[in-house]
C-alpha atoms as a PDB file:
ATOM      1  CA  MET A   1       8.490  -0.887 -13.151  1.00  0.00           C
ATOM      2  CA  VAL A   2      11.377   1.381 -14.164  1.00  0.00           C
ATOM      3  CA  VAL A   3      14.780   0.111 -13.262  1.00  0.00           C
ATOM      4  CA  GLN A   4      17.393   2.844 -12.980  1.00  0.00           C
ATOM      5  CA  VAL A   5      20.891   1.554 -13.752  1.00  0.00           C
ATOM      6  CA  LYS A   6      23.480   4.027 -12.439  1.00  0.00           C
ATOM      7  CA  HIS A   7      26.630   4.197 -14.646  1.00  0.00           C
ATOM      8  CA  ASP A   8      28.668   6.455 -16.921  1.00  0.00           C
ATOM      9  CA  CYS A   9      27.547   6.043 -20.560  1.00  0.00           C
ATOM     10  CA  LYS A  10      30.893   7.362 -21.816  1.00  0.00           C
ATOM     11  CA  ILE A  11      32.864   4.717 -19.929  1.00  0.00           C
ATOM     12  CA  GLU A  12      30.432   2.024 -21.086  1.00  0.00           C
ATOM     13  CA  LEU A  13      30.946   3.070 -24.738  1.00  0.00           C
ATOM     14  CA  HIS A  14      34.680   3.169 -24.385  1.00  0.00           C
ATOM     15  CA  LYS A  15      34.765  -0.252 -22.823  1.00  0.00           C
ATOM     16  CA  VAL A  16      33.217  -1.717 -26.032  1.00  0.00           C
ATOM     17  CA  ALA A  17      35.462   0.391 -28.303  1.00  0.00           C
ATOM     18  CA  LEU A  18      32.666   2.783 -29.477  1.00  0.00           C
ATOM     19  CA  LYS A  19      33.156   6.530 -29.697  1.00  0.00           C
ATOM     20  CA  ALA A  20      31.059   8.468 -27.207  1.00  0.00           C
ATOM     21  CA  THR A  21      29.202  10.725 -29.712  1.00  0.00           C
ATOM     22  CA  PRO A  22      26.371  12.933 -28.442  1.00  0.00           C
ATOM     23  CA  ALA A  23      23.819  10.716 -30.369  1.00  0.00           C
ATOM     24  CA  ARG A  24      25.179   7.452 -28.841  1.00  0.00           C
ATOM     25  CA  LEU A  25      25.234   8.906 -25.329  1.00  0.00           C
ATOM     26  CA  ALA A  26      21.693  10.289 -25.663  1.00  0.00           C
ATOM     27  CA  THR A  27      20.449   7.000 -27.141  1.00  0.00           C
ATOM     28  CA  LEU A  28      21.871   4.930 -24.324  1.00  0.00           C
ATOM     29  CA  LYS A  29      20.269   7.359 -21.751  1.00  0.00           C
ATOM     30  CA  VAL A  30      16.897   7.048 -23.497  1.00  0.00           C
ATOM     31  CA  LEU A  31      17.044   3.244 -23.436  1.00  0.00           C
ATOM     32  CA  GLU A  32      18.259   3.223 -19.815  1.00  0.00           C
ATOM     33  CA  ALA A  33      15.300   5.347 -18.718  1.00  0.00           C
ATOM     34  CA  ALA A  34      12.664   3.424 -20.684  1.00  0.00           C
ATOM     35  CA  SER A  35      10.176   1.266 -18.901  1.00  0.00           C
ATOM     36  CA  LYS A  36       9.465  -0.866 -21.963  1.00  0.00           C
ATOM     37  CA  PRO A  37      11.361  -1.876 -25.217  1.00  0.00           C
ATOM     38  CA  LEU A  38      11.511   0.921 -27.647  1.00  0.00           C
ATOM     39  CA  ASP A  39      11.352   0.881 -31.476  1.00  0.00           C
ATOM     40  CA  VAL A  40      13.452   3.171 -33.746  1.00  0.00           C
ATOM     41  CA  ALA A  41      10.633   5.653 -34.299  1.00  0.00           C
ATOM     42  CA  THR A  42      10.158   6.117 -30.551  1.00  0.00           C
ATOM     43  CA  ILE A  43      13.886   6.459 -29.982  1.00  0.00           C
ATOM     44  CA  LYS A  44      13.974   9.074 -32.747  1.00  0.00           C
ATOM     45  CA  SER A  45      11.153  11.013 -31.123  1.00  0.00           C
ATOM     46  CA  LYS A  46      12.779  10.929 -27.646  1.00  0.00           C
ATOM     47  CA  LEU A  47      16.097  11.981 -29.072  1.00  0.00           C
ATOM     48  CA  LYS A  48      14.512  14.902 -30.887  1.00  0.00           C
ATOM     49  CA  LYS A  49      13.019  16.086 -27.591  1.00  0.00           C
ATOM     50  CA  ASP A  50      16.594  16.053 -26.216  1.00  0.00           C
ATOM     51  CA  GLY A  51      17.805  18.140 -29.147  1.00  0.00           C
ATOM     52  CA  ILE A  52      19.447  15.260 -31.039  1.00  0.00           C
ATOM     53  CA  ASN A  53      18.367  15.023 -34.673  1.00  0.00           C
ATOM     54  CA  ALA A  54      19.169  11.477 -35.905  1.00  0.00           C
ATOM     55  CA  ASP A  55      17.501   9.873 -38.871  1.00  0.00           C
ATOM     56  CA  PRO A  56      16.021   6.355 -38.567  1.00  0.00           C
ATOM     57  CA  ALA A  57      18.858   4.798 -40.568  1.00  0.00           C
ATOM     58  CA  THR A  58      21.473   6.190 -38.057  1.00  0.00           C
ATOM     59  CA  ILE A  59      19.523   4.948 -35.118  1.00  0.00           C
ATOM     60  CA  PHE A  60      19.072   1.511 -36.682  1.00  0.00           C
ATOM     61  CA  ARG A  61      22.874   1.386 -37.262  1.00  0.00           C
ATOM     62  CA  MET A  62      23.478   2.449 -33.610  1.00  0.00           C
ATOM     63  CA  MET A  63      21.095  -0.212 -32.424  1.00  0.00           C
ATOM     64  CA  ASN A  64      22.959  -2.866 -34.472  1.00  0.00           C
ATOM     65  CA  SER A  65      26.302  -1.681 -33.007  1.00  0.00           C
ATOM     66  CA  PHE A  66      24.962  -1.585 -29.477  1.00  0.00           C
ATOM     67  CA  SER A  67      23.432  -5.078 -29.917  1.00  0.00           C
ATOM     68  CA  ASP A  68      26.691  -6.494 -31.388  1.00  0.00           C
ATOM     69  CA  LYS A  69      28.586  -5.047 -28.351  1.00  0.00           C
ATOM     70  CA  GLY A  70      26.074  -6.413 -25.837  1.00  0.00           C
ATOM     71  CA  LEU A  71      24.750  -2.930 -24.716  1.00  0.00           C
ATOM     72  CA  VAL A  72      21.145  -3.524 -25.812  1.00  0.00           C
ATOM     73  CA  ARG A  73      18.857  -6.528 -26.453  1.00  0.00           C
ATOM     74  CA  GLU A  74      16.764  -6.842 -29.569  1.00  0.00           C
ATOM     75  CA  ILE A  75      13.218  -7.650 -28.708  1.00  0.00           C
ATOM     76  CA  ASN A  76      10.973  -9.273 -31.377  1.00  0.00           C
ATOM     77  CA  LEU A  77       7.315  -8.978 -30.360  1.00  0.00           C
ATOM     78  CA  GLN A  78       6.062 -10.430 -33.671  1.00  0.00           C
ATOM     79  CA  GLU A  79       5.536  -6.998 -35.063  1.00  0.00           C
ATOM     80  CA  SER A  80       6.925  -5.615 -38.318  1.00  0.00           C
ATOM     81  CA  LYS A  81       9.709  -3.940 -36.276  1.00  0.00           C
ATOM     82  CA  LEU A  82      12.304  -4.711 -33.655  1.00  0.00           C
ATOM     83  CA  ARG A  83      12.268  -3.071 -30.274  1.00  0.00           C
ATOM     84  CA  TYR A  84      15.338  -2.513 -28.114  1.00  0.00           C
ATOM     85  CA  GLU A  85      16.085  -2.660 -24.439  1.00  0.00           C
ATOM     86  CA  TYR A  86      19.053  -1.649 -22.324  1.00  0.00           C
ATOM     87  CA  SER A  87      20.807  -4.941 -21.546  1.00  0.00           C
ATOM     88  CA  ALA A  88      22.045  -4.104 -18.017  1.00  0.00           C
ATOM     89  CA  LYS A  89      18.440  -4.228 -16.741  1.00  0.00           C
ATOM     90  CA  GLU A  90      17.602  -7.315 -14.747  1.00  0.00           C
ATOM     91  CA  ASP A  91      16.497 -10.316 -16.733  1.00  0.00           C
ATOM     92  CA  HIS A  92      12.808 -10.152 -17.496  1.00  0.00           C
ATOM     93  CA  HIS A  93      10.189 -11.020 -20.048  1.00  0.00           C
ATOM     94  CA  HIS A  94       7.088  -9.314 -21.548  1.00  0.00           C
ATOM     95  CA  LEU A  95       3.412  -9.425 -21.616  1.00  0.00           C
ATOM     96  CA  LEU A  96       2.002  -7.927 -24.916  1.00  0.00           C
ATOM     97  CA  CYS A  97      -1.634  -7.036 -25.328  1.00  0.00           C
ATOM     98  CA  GLU A  98      -2.735  -7.938 -28.834  1.00  0.00           C
ATOM     99  CA  SER A  99      -5.572  -5.460 -28.678  1.00  0.00           C
ATOM    100  CA  CYS A 100      -4.048  -2.141 -27.402  1.00  0.00           C
ATOM    101  CA  GLY A 101      -0.369  -2.928 -27.862  1.00  0.00           C
ATOM    102  CA  SER A 102       0.584  -2.299 -24.181  1.00  0.00           C
ATOM    103  CA  ILE A 103       3.773  -3.960 -23.051  1.00  0.00           C
ATOM    104  CA  GLU A 104       4.412  -5.011 -19.440  1.00  0.00           C
ATOM    105  CA  ASP A 105       7.572  -6.438 -17.908  1.00  0.00           C
ATOM    106  CA  ILE A 106       7.499  -9.549 -15.815  1.00  0.00           C
ATOM    107  CA  SER A 107      10.465 -10.658 -13.846  1.00  0.00           C
ATOM    108  CA  ASP A 108       9.046 -13.243 -11.500  1.00  0.00           C
ATOM    109  CA  CYS A 109       9.353 -16.324 -13.726  1.00  0.00           C
ATOM    110  CA  ASN A 110      11.754 -19.028 -12.865  1.00  0.00           C
ATOM    111  CA  ILE A 111      13.498 -19.355 -16.175  1.00  0.00           C
ATOM    112  CA  GLU A 112      16.940 -20.084 -14.606  1.00  0.00           C
ATOM    113  CA  THR A 113      15.743 -23.391 -13.176  1.00  0.00           C
ATOM    114  CA  TRP A 114      14.349 -24.398 -16.620  1.00  0.00           C
ATOM    115  CA  GLU A 115      17.644 -23.384 -18.310  1.00  0.00           C
ATOM    116  CA  LYS A 116      19.606 -25.481 -15.762  1.00  0.00           C
ATOM    117  CA  GLU A 117      17.310 -28.527 -16.419  1.00  0.00           C
ATOM    118  CA  LEU A 118      17.798 -28.109 -20.180  1.00  0.00           C
ATOM    119  CA  ARG A 119      21.565 -27.992 -19.836  1.00  0.00           C
ATOM    120  CA  GLU A 120      21.554 -31.098 -17.665  1.00  0.00           C
ATOM    121  CA  LYS A 121      18.943 -33.104 -19.470  1.00  0.00           C
ATOM    122  CA  LYS A 122      19.686 -32.164 -23.060  1.00  0.00           C
ATOM    123  CA  GLY A 123      23.307 -31.079 -22.845  1.00  0.00           C
ATOM    124  CA  PHE A 124      22.293 -27.809 -24.505  1.00  0.00           C
ATOM    125  CA  MET A 125      24.396 -24.681 -23.826  1.00  0.00           C
ATOM    126  CA  ILE A 126      21.912 -21.738 -23.728  1.00  0.00           C
ATOM    127  CA  LYS A 127      23.542 -18.516 -24.747  1.00  0.00           C
ATOM    128  CA  HIS A 128      20.420 -16.312 -24.432  1.00  0.00           C
ATOM    129  CA  HIS A 129      16.615 -16.706 -24.488  1.00  0.00           C
ATOM    130  CA  SER A 130      13.485 -14.719 -25.343  1.00  0.00           C
ATOM    131  CA  LEU A 131      10.151 -15.257 -23.719  1.00  0.00           C
ATOM    132  CA  GLU A 132       7.109 -13.180 -24.524  1.00  0.00           C
ATOM    133  CA  PHE A 133       3.468 -13.759 -23.654  1.00  0.00           C
ATOM    134  CA  PHE A 134       0.669 -12.572 -25.994  1.00  0.00           C
ATOM    135  CA  GLY A 135      -2.889 -11.995 -24.950  1.00  0.00           C
ATOM    136  CA  LEU A 136      -5.191  -9.311 -23.578  1.00  0.00           C
ATOM    137  CA  CYS A 137      -4.458  -6.859 -20.743  1.00  0.00           C
ATOM    138  CA  LYS A 138      -6.967  -6.219 -17.905  1.00  0.00           C
ATOM    139  CA  ASN A 139      -8.399  -3.129 -19.612  1.00  0.00           C
ATOM    140  CA  CYS A 140      -8.961  -4.809 -22.929  1.00  0.00           C
ATOM    141  CA  GLN A 141     -10.591  -7.850 -21.208  1.00  0.00           C
ATOM    142  CA  LYS A 142     -13.187  -5.472 -19.778  1.00  0.00           C
ATOM    143  CA  LEU A 143     -14.178  -4.473 -23.345  1.00  0.00           C
ATOM    144  CA  ILE A 144     -15.137  -7.943 -24.470  1.00  0.00           C
END
C-alpha cells in the first residue's frame, strides 16, 4: 500500500527551520513516495536516479536532522542498519520476512486501545512506539 501525502516539502522544511536544499527536498520526496522503510544506501540510489549526488554521510546527517525535527521515523528491523520512513504517513507497523527480507506494512492493529490501557493501568505516558513482526512471508513458506 502506497500512501501519497500531498504537501509542499519546502514549506514543511521551513516550518522546522531547515533550509530547503535540493538534496533535502529530493530526499523528502523519495521518502514520501516509498512504500516501505528505506535505508541510506537505497535513498542514495534513488537520489542518484533523480540527479542528486549525495554521499552516505550526508544522507545519514539529513536523516538525523529529519528525525530530530519529526519529519521521519527511524525504523529498527534488527538489521545492521536503520531504515527511515516519512512520519506523516498513517500509523502502521511492519511484517519482516527473515528469509527474503521483504517488508510489508500493516495498519489494522488496535494499538491505540492498548496504549490507552497502559496509560490508565500503569500511569505510563507513551511518547511513541515501535512494533514489528518477524517471520516468513507467504512465498518463503512455500519453499519449506
